[in-house]
Amino acid sequence: MSRISLPSTSLDVAPDVTSNAMLAVFLPALGLLLGELFLSAGLVQSALWVYVVILLFCTLLPLRVPSPVPVLAGFALLTVFRLVNLSMPVFLDLTVLWVPLVYAPFPLAGMWYLRRSEAVEPLLDPRGTLLWTPAAVVVGAVVGAVESRLVDVPSLLPTVTGDGLWLLGAVVVVGVIAEEVLLRGVLQSALRRSVGPWFGVGTVAVVFATMQAAFGGTAVALALGAGVIYGLGYELSESLVVPIVCRGTVNLSLMVVLPAVSAGVVPALPLA
C-alpha cells in the first residue's frame, strides 16, 4: 500500500556511503556538467569527447574496483541519450516524424534494465499514481506558466495545426517518458539505494538542470527547481507516472497550450 510519505529508505536514515559510491556519482555528474558547458559554448567536439570518456568510465570502473553498477548504468544510459540528442537533425516537418522512433528505445531499455536488476527498485505504486496525478497536472500547469514568463522556449515546429498538433504532442510525450525513465526511474532509483533519497533527488535535479545549459542561466535555475519538484513527486507518490505527467504537462503547456492561447487559437480562461 502506498504511503503519503517517503518510502522505506527514509530521509532520516541515510544508507552507507562508500568512497566508491561517491566516486561513481560525482565524476559522471561532473562530466555531464562539463559536457553541457561545452555545448552551451558551441564546443560540440569537446562535448562529444567528454561523453565518450563518461561512457568509458562507467564501463571500466566496475571492472577495477567494487562500484554501484546501477548508478553507473544510469549515467551511461543518460550519456548515450545525450549523444543521440546531438545527432538529431533540425526539427522539420519530415525529420520530426522520426523522433518518436529514435527516442522510443530508451524508455524500453530503461524499463528492461529495471526489471532485470535486483539492485534497483523503481516505484510504480498504483495508489500513489491515482492520488498524486491530479496534483502533478496542476503543478505542471503552474510551472509551465511561470517558465513561459521567464524564458523563451523554442518551438519544435514552425507551425502547429491539424495533424501537426498531434505530432508535436507525441514527440513531447515520447521525449518526456524517455528522459524520466532514465533520470528518475533508473538513476534516481539507483542513487536512492546507494547514497539515499535526498542525495538522489538533488543529484538528478542538478543533472537535469545542466542539460538545459544551452538555454541560459535562467533556464538552468528553473530546471533545477523543476527537477527537485519531479524528484520529490517521484519519491512522495512512489510512482514514476507522477513526474512523467507533471513534466509532460509543463512541456505541453509551454509548446502547445500557451502558444495556442497567445495566437488566439484557443481562448484563454477568464480569471475573474
Protein backbone atom coordinates (compact mmCIF):
# COMPACT_ATOMS: atom_id res chain seq x y z
CA MET A 1 0.00 0.00 0.00
CA SER A 2 1.27 3.44 -0.90
CA ARG A 3 2.17 5.94 1.79
CA ILE A 4 1.92 9.71 1.70
CA SER A 5 5.50 9.88 2.92
CA LEU A 6 8.88 8.96 1.59
CA PRO A 7 9.37 5.24 1.01
CA SER A 8 11.18 2.75 3.19
CA THR A 9 14.58 4.34 2.59
CA SER A 10 13.54 7.39 4.58
CA LEU A 11 15.19 10.76 4.52
CA ASP A 12 16.08 10.38 8.19
CA VAL A 13 18.26 7.29 7.78
CA ALA A 14 20.89 7.57 5.06
CA PRO A 15 22.46 4.33 3.78
CA ASP A 16 26.16 3.66 3.98
CA VAL A 17 28.06 5.95 1.63
CA THR A 18 31.33 4.44 0.43
CA SER A 19 34.11 6.25 -1.37
CA ASN A 20 33.49 4.16 -4.49
CA ALA A 21 29.80 5.07 -4.48
CA MET A 22 30.62 8.77 -4.21
CA LEU A 23 33.19 8.37 -6.99
CA ALA A 24 30.56 6.74 -9.19
CA VAL A 25 28.20 9.66 -8.53
CA PHE A 26 30.42 12.74 -8.62
CA LEU A 27 32.71 12.03 -11.58
CA PRO A 28 29.98 11.19 -14.14
CA ALA A 29 27.87 14.10 -12.85
CA LEU A 30 30.80 16.49 -13.19
CA GLY A 31 31.50 15.05 -16.65
CA LEU A 32 27.93 15.71 -17.76
CA LEU A 33 28.18 19.25 -16.38
CA LEU A 34 31.41 19.81 -18.32
CA GLY A 35 29.91 18.37 -21.49
CA GLU A 36 26.84 20.60 -21.24
CA LEU A 37 29.02 23.65 -20.63
CA PHE A 38 31.00 22.82 -23.77
CA LEU A 39 27.73 22.50 -25.69
CA SER A 40 26.45 25.85 -24.44
CA ALA A 41 29.76 27.40 -25.59
CA GLY A 42 29.43 25.83 -29.04
CA LEU A 43 32.29 23.36 -28.50
CA VAL A 44 30.45 20.30 -29.78
CA GLN A 45 33.55 18.19 -30.47
CA SER A 46 34.83 18.74 -26.94
CA ALA A 47 31.44 17.77 -25.54
CA LEU A 48 31.44 14.57 -27.59
CA TRP A 49 34.86 13.58 -26.21
CA VAL A 50 33.65 14.23 -22.67
CA TYR A 51 30.64 11.97 -23.22
CA VAL A 52 32.90 9.24 -24.62
CA VAL A 53 35.09 9.47 -21.51
CA ILE A 54 32.00 9.20 -19.28
CA LEU A 55 30.92 6.05 -21.10
CA LEU A 56 34.37 4.52 -20.73
CA PHE A 57 34.47 5.44 -17.05
CA CYS A 58 31.04 3.91 -16.37
CA THR A 59 32.05 0.76 -18.24
CA LEU A 60 35.55 0.24 -16.83
CA LEU A 61 35.20 1.34 -13.20
CA PRO A 62 33.25 -1.78 -12.08
CA LEU A 63 35.97 -3.94 -13.64
CA ARG A 64 38.66 -2.31 -11.50
CA VAL A 65 37.03 -1.57 -8.13
CA PRO A 66 33.76 -2.53 -6.39
CA SER A 67 31.25 0.07 -7.56
CA PRO A 68 27.49 0.68 -7.55
CA VAL A 69 26.78 -0.72 -11.02
CA PRO A 70 23.15 0.55 -11.17
CA VAL A 71 24.32 4.15 -10.66
CA LEU A 72 26.92 3.79 -13.40
CA ALA A 73 24.36 2.15 -15.67
CA GLY A 74 22.04 5.11 -15.14
CA PHE A 75 24.75 7.61 -16.05
CA ALA A 76 25.78 5.51 -19.07
CA LEU A 77 22.22 5.35 -20.43
CA LEU A 78 21.79 9.08 -19.89
CA THR A 79 25.07 9.80 -21.68
CA VAL A 80 24.03 7.72 -24.68
CA PHE A 81 20.73 9.59 -24.70
CA ARG A 82 22.57 12.92 -24.86
CA LEU A 83 24.72 11.64 -27.73
CA VAL A 84 21.54 10.75 -29.61
CA ASN A 85 20.18 14.24 -28.86
CA LEU A 86 23.25 15.75 -30.50
CA SER A 87 22.85 13.57 -33.58
CA MET A 88 19.20 14.51 -34.14
CA PRO A 89 18.50 16.58 -37.26
CA VAL A 90 16.92 20.01 -37.29
CA PHE A 91 13.24 19.75 -36.42
CA LEU A 92 11.37 19.98 -39.72
CA ASP A 93 8.02 18.55 -40.74
CA LEU A 94 9.68 15.48 -42.29
CA THR A 95 12.55 14.72 -39.90
CA VAL A 96 10.44 15.22 -36.77
CA LEU A 97 8.42 12.16 -37.80
CA TRP A 98 11.40 10.03 -36.80
CA VAL A 99 11.73 11.46 -33.28
CA PRO A 100 9.33 9.03 -31.55
CA LEU A 101 11.10 6.09 -33.23
CA VAL A 102 14.56 7.36 -32.21
CA TYR A 103 13.58 8.08 -28.59
CA ALA A 104 11.31 5.06 -28.04
CA PRO A 105 14.15 2.54 -27.43
CA PHE A 106 15.39 4.49 -24.39
CA PRO A 107 12.37 4.03 -22.09
CA LEU A 108 12.17 0.42 -23.29
CA ALA A 109 15.85 -0.13 -22.44
CA GLY A 110 15.42 1.61 -19.10
CA MET A 111 12.38 -0.45 -18.15
CA TRP A 112 14.09 -3.66 -19.30
CA TYR A 113 17.07 -2.84 -17.10
CA LEU A 114 14.84 -2.06 -14.14
CA ARG A 115 13.05 -5.38 -14.49
CA ARG A 116 16.35 -7.29 -14.73
CA SER A 117 18.24 -5.50 -11.97
CA GLU A 118 17.68 -6.59 -8.40
CA ALA A 119 19.69 -3.65 -7.08
CA VAL A 120 17.22 -1.02 -8.33
CA GLU A 121 13.67 -0.72 -7.09
CA PRO A 122 11.61 1.54 -9.36
CA LEU A 123 8.47 3.00 -7.84
CA LEU A 124 5.22 2.25 -9.67
CA ASP A 125 2.62 2.22 -6.92
CA PRO A 126 -0.93 2.27 -8.37
CA ARG A 127 -2.48 4.06 -5.39
CA GLY A 128 0.22 6.72 -5.41
CA THR A 129 -0.40 7.21 -9.12
CA LEU A 130 -4.11 7.81 -8.63
CA LEU A 131 -3.62 10.00 -5.58
CA TRP A 132 -0.86 12.27 -6.90
CA THR A 133 -1.51 12.51 -10.65
CA PRO A 134 -4.15 15.28 -10.37
CA ALA A 135 -1.72 17.33 -8.28
CA ALA A 136 1.01 16.66 -10.87
CA VAL A 137 -1.19 18.16 -13.60
CA VAL A 138 -1.90 21.28 -11.55
CA VAL A 139 1.74 21.75 -10.53
CA GLY A 140 2.89 21.16 -14.11
CA ALA A 141 0.50 23.81 -15.44
CA VAL A 142 1.72 26.32 -12.85
CA VAL A 143 5.39 25.58 -13.57
CA GLY A 144 4.73 25.90 -17.30
CA ALA A 145 3.04 29.27 -16.82
CA VAL A 146 5.94 30.54 -14.70
CA GLU A 147 8.57 29.33 -17.16
CA SER A 148 6.73 30.91 -20.10
CA ARG A 149 7.11 34.32 -18.47
CA LEU A 150 10.82 33.96 -17.75
CA VAL A 151 12.32 32.10 -20.72
CA ASP A 152 11.74 31.89 -24.46
CA VAL A 153 11.07 28.27 -25.31
CA PRO A 154 11.95 27.44 -28.94
CA SER A 155 9.09 25.84 -30.85
CA LEU A 156 9.70 22.40 -32.29
CA LEU A 157 7.73 23.08 -35.45
CA PRO A 158 7.30 26.28 -37.47
CA THR A 159 3.53 25.87 -37.36
CA VAL A 160 1.32 23.65 -35.25
CA THR A 161 -2.01 22.99 -36.91
CA GLY A 162 -4.14 19.95 -37.52
CA ASP A 163 -2.12 16.74 -37.59
CA GLY A 164 1.00 18.67 -36.61
CA LEU A 165 -0.52 19.37 -33.19
CA TRP A 166 -0.93 15.67 -32.52
CA LEU A 167 2.56 15.01 -33.88
CA LEU A 168 4.03 17.59 -31.53
CA GLY A 169 2.16 16.05 -28.62
CA ALA A 170 3.53 12.62 -29.50
CA VAL A 171 7.08 13.98 -29.72
CA VAL A 172 6.82 15.78 -26.39
CA VAL A 173 5.28 12.76 -24.66
CA VAL A 174 7.84 10.26 -26.01
CA GLY A 175 10.75 12.56 -25.14
CA VAL A 176 9.46 13.13 -21.61
CA ILE A 177 8.89 9.43 -20.98
CA ALA A 178 12.37 8.59 -22.27
CA GLU A 179 14.15 11.14 -20.07
CA GLU A 180 12.08 10.45 -16.96
CA VAL A 181 12.59 6.69 -17.17
CA LEU A 182 16.35 7.30 -17.35
CA LEU A 183 16.57 10.18 -14.86
CA ARG A 184 14.06 9.20 -12.21
CA GLY A 185 13.35 5.54 -12.95
CA VAL A 186 16.94 4.32 -13.35
CA LEU A 187 19.33 6.94 -11.98
CA GLN A 188 17.36 8.31 -9.02
CA SER A 189 16.22 4.82 -8.01
CA ALA A 190 19.84 3.63 -8.06
CA LEU A 191 21.04 6.67 -6.11
CA ARG A 192 18.33 6.10 -3.51
CA ARG A 193 19.79 2.69 -2.78
CA SER A 194 23.42 3.82 -2.90
CA VAL A 195 23.51 7.25 -1.23
CA GLY A 196 19.98 7.96 0.00
CA PRO A 197 16.83 9.68 -1.34
CA TRP A 198 17.79 13.28 -0.51
CA PHE A 199 21.07 12.94 -2.36
CA GLY A 200 19.32 11.15 -5.20
CA VAL A 201 16.72 13.88 -5.67
CA GLY A 202 19.37 16.62 -5.55
CA THR A 203 21.88 14.90 -7.84
CA VAL A 204 19.33 14.09 -10.54
CA ALA A 205 17.91 17.64 -10.32
CA VAL A 206 21.41 19.06 -10.90
CA VAL A 207 22.00 16.69 -13.82
CA PHE A 208 18.64 17.65 -15.32
CA ALA A 209 19.43 21.36 -14.89
CA THR A 210 22.81 21.06 -16.60
CA MET A 211 21.04 19.56 -19.62
CA GLN A 212 19.39 22.96 -20.09
CA ALA A 213 22.67 24.93 -20.03
CA ALA A 214 22.38 25.84 -23.72
CA PHE A 215 19.25 27.90 -22.93
CA GLY A 216 20.99 30.20 -20.42
CA GLY A 217 21.27 30.70 -16.68
CA THR A 218 17.59 31.43 -16.10
CA ALA A 219 16.59 28.19 -17.81
CA VAL A 220 19.12 26.26 -15.70
CA ALA A 221 17.75 27.76 -12.47
CA LEU A 222 14.18 26.96 -13.47
CA ALA A 223 15.15 23.44 -14.49
CA LEU A 224 16.87 22.91 -11.14
CA GLY A 225 13.71 23.86 -9.27
CA ALA A 226 11.55 21.79 -11.61
CA GLY A 227 13.93 18.85 -11.23
CA VAL A 228 13.54 18.95 -7.46
CA ILE A 229 9.75 19.00 -7.90
CA TYR A 230 9.83 16.00 -10.24
CA GLY A 231 12.17 14.10 -7.93
CA LEU A 232 10.11 14.77 -4.81
CA GLY A 233 6.95 13.87 -6.69
CA TYR A 234 8.53 10.54 -7.58
CA GLU A 235 9.57 9.82 -4.01
CA LEU A 236 6.36 11.01 -2.34
CA SER A 237 3.97 9.28 -4.73
CA GLU A 238 6.13 6.18 -5.13
CA SER A 239 5.15 6.26 -8.80
CA LEU A 240 7.18 7.08 -11.90
CA VAL A 241 3.95 8.11 -13.63
CA VAL A 242 3.70 11.27 -11.48
CA PRO A 243 6.91 13.03 -12.64
CA ILE A 244 6.14 11.98 -16.22
CA VAL A 245 2.68 13.56 -16.04
CA CYS A 246 3.99 16.67 -14.29
CA ARG A 247 6.78 17.28 -16.76
CA GLY A 248 4.59 16.36 -19.72
CA THR A 249 2.08 18.98 -18.58
CA VAL A 250 4.87 21.57 -18.34
CA ASN A 251 6.09 20.87 -21.86
CA LEU A 252 2.64 20.72 -23.41
CA SER A 253 1.76 24.00 -21.69
CA LEU A 254 4.90 25.69 -23.00
CA MET A 255 4.87 24.25 -26.52
CA VAL A 256 1.18 23.83 -27.31
CA VAL A 257 -1.38 25.33 -24.92
CA LEU A 258 0.15 28.71 -24.11
CA PRO A 259 1.29 29.42 -27.73
CA ALA A 260 -2.20 28.48 -28.92
CA VAL A 261 -3.75 30.87 -26.40
CA SER A 262 -1.36 33.64 -27.44
CA ALA A 263 -2.22 33.09 -31.10
CA GLY A 264 -5.93 33.12 -30.38
CA VAL A 265 -6.37 29.51 -31.48
CA VAL A 266 -7.62 28.58 -28.01
CA PRO A 267 -9.47 31.18 -25.91
CA ALA A 268 -7.90 32.00 -22.58
CA LEU A 269 -9.81 31.03 -19.47
CA PRO A 270 -11.30 34.00 -17.63
CA LEU A 271 -9.56 34.72 -14.35
CA ALA A 272 -12.43 36.67 -12.80
